[in-house]
Amino acid sequence: MFRSNRRDENADLNALAKEALLQINEKKYDTELLDTGITAVHKIGIAFRGKNAVVKKDRN
């Protein structure tokens, strides 16, 4: 899990959301779903700080 330091106001939420998607792909979290025959998996990376949030999505 990627977490930014709460005090780091300069953390780039966009980059953190992209990193979350990279982690999903690198750790192959969708493997079990794909092995059961599911063909469409929606992957979502979310980064937030306070009331600000960025959501990135990918689909295999």
Protein backbone atom coordinates (compact mmCIF):
# COMPACT_ATOMS: atom_id res chain seq x y z
CA MET A 1 0.00 0.00 0.00
CA PHE A 2 1.32 3.40 -0.92
CA ARG A 3 0.82 6.11 1.66
CA SER A 4 2.07 9.64 1.66
CA ASN A 5 3.32 11.35 4.74
CA ARG A 6 0.37 13.31 6.12
CA ARG A 7 2.58 16.32 6.68
CA ASP A 8 4.00 16.30 3.15
CA GLU A 9 1.79 18.87 1.44
CA ASN A 10 3.91 18.62 -1.74
CA ALA A 11 3.09 14.98 -2.45
CA ASP A 12 1.80 14.64 -5.99
CA LEU A 13 -1.55 12.89 -5.74
CA ASN A 14 -1.56 12.15 -9.46
CA ALA A 15 1.75 10.30 -9.22
CA LEU A 16 0.63 8.43 -6.11
CA ALA A 17 -2.54 7.22 -7.82
CA LYS A 18 -0.44 6.00 -10.76
CA GLU A 19 1.90 4.22 -8.32
CA ALA A 20 -1.11 2.46 -6.82
CA LEU A 21 -2.04 1.13 -10.27
CA LEU A 22 1.54 0.01 -10.82
CA GLN A 23 1.43 -1.90 -7.56
CA ILE A 24 -1.77 -3.66 -8.61
CA ASN A 25 -0.08 -4.77 -11.84
CA GLU A 26 3.29 -5.67 -10.29
CA LYS A 27 1.77 -7.76 -7.51
CA LYS A 28 -0.76 -9.26 -9.93
CA TYR A 29 -3.71 -8.79 -7.61
CA ASP A 30 -6.06 -9.71 -10.46
CA THR A 31 -4.54 -13.15 -11.11
CA GLU A 32 -7.03 -15.11 -9.02
CA LEU A 33 -9.96 -13.39 -10.72
CA LEU A 34 -8.54 -14.02 -14.18
CA ASP A 35 -7.85 -17.67 -13.30
CA THR A 36 -11.54 -18.19 -12.50
CA GLY A 37 -12.54 -17.00 -15.96
CA ILE A 38 -13.40 -13.39 -15.25
CA THR A 39 -12.39 -11.45 -18.34
CA ALA A 40 -12.90 -7.84 -17.31
CA VAL A 41 -11.18 -6.52 -14.20
CA HIS A 42 -11.30 -2.81 -13.39
CA LYS A 43 -8.26 -1.64 -11.45
CA ILE A 44 -8.51 1.56 -9.43
CA GLY A 45 -5.71 3.57 -7.83
CA ILE A 46 -6.76 6.25 -5.36
CA ALA A 47 -4.65 8.88 -3.63
CA PHE A 48 -6.08 11.44 -1.26
CA ARG A 49 -5.09 14.15 1.16
CA GLY A 50 -7.78 15.82 3.19
CA LYS A 51 -10.63 16.70 0.86
CA ASN A 52 -8.51 16.32 -2.29
CA ALA A 53 -8.49 13.02 -4.15
CA VAL A 54 -7.26 11.62 -7.46
CA VAL A 55 -8.61 8.41 -8.97
CA LYS A 56 -6.87 6.54 -11.79
CA LYS A 57 -8.34 3.48 -13.42
CA ASP A 58 -7.19 0.78 -15.77
CA ARG A 59 -8.87 -2.24 -17.29
CA ASN A 60 -7.33 -5.41 -18.62
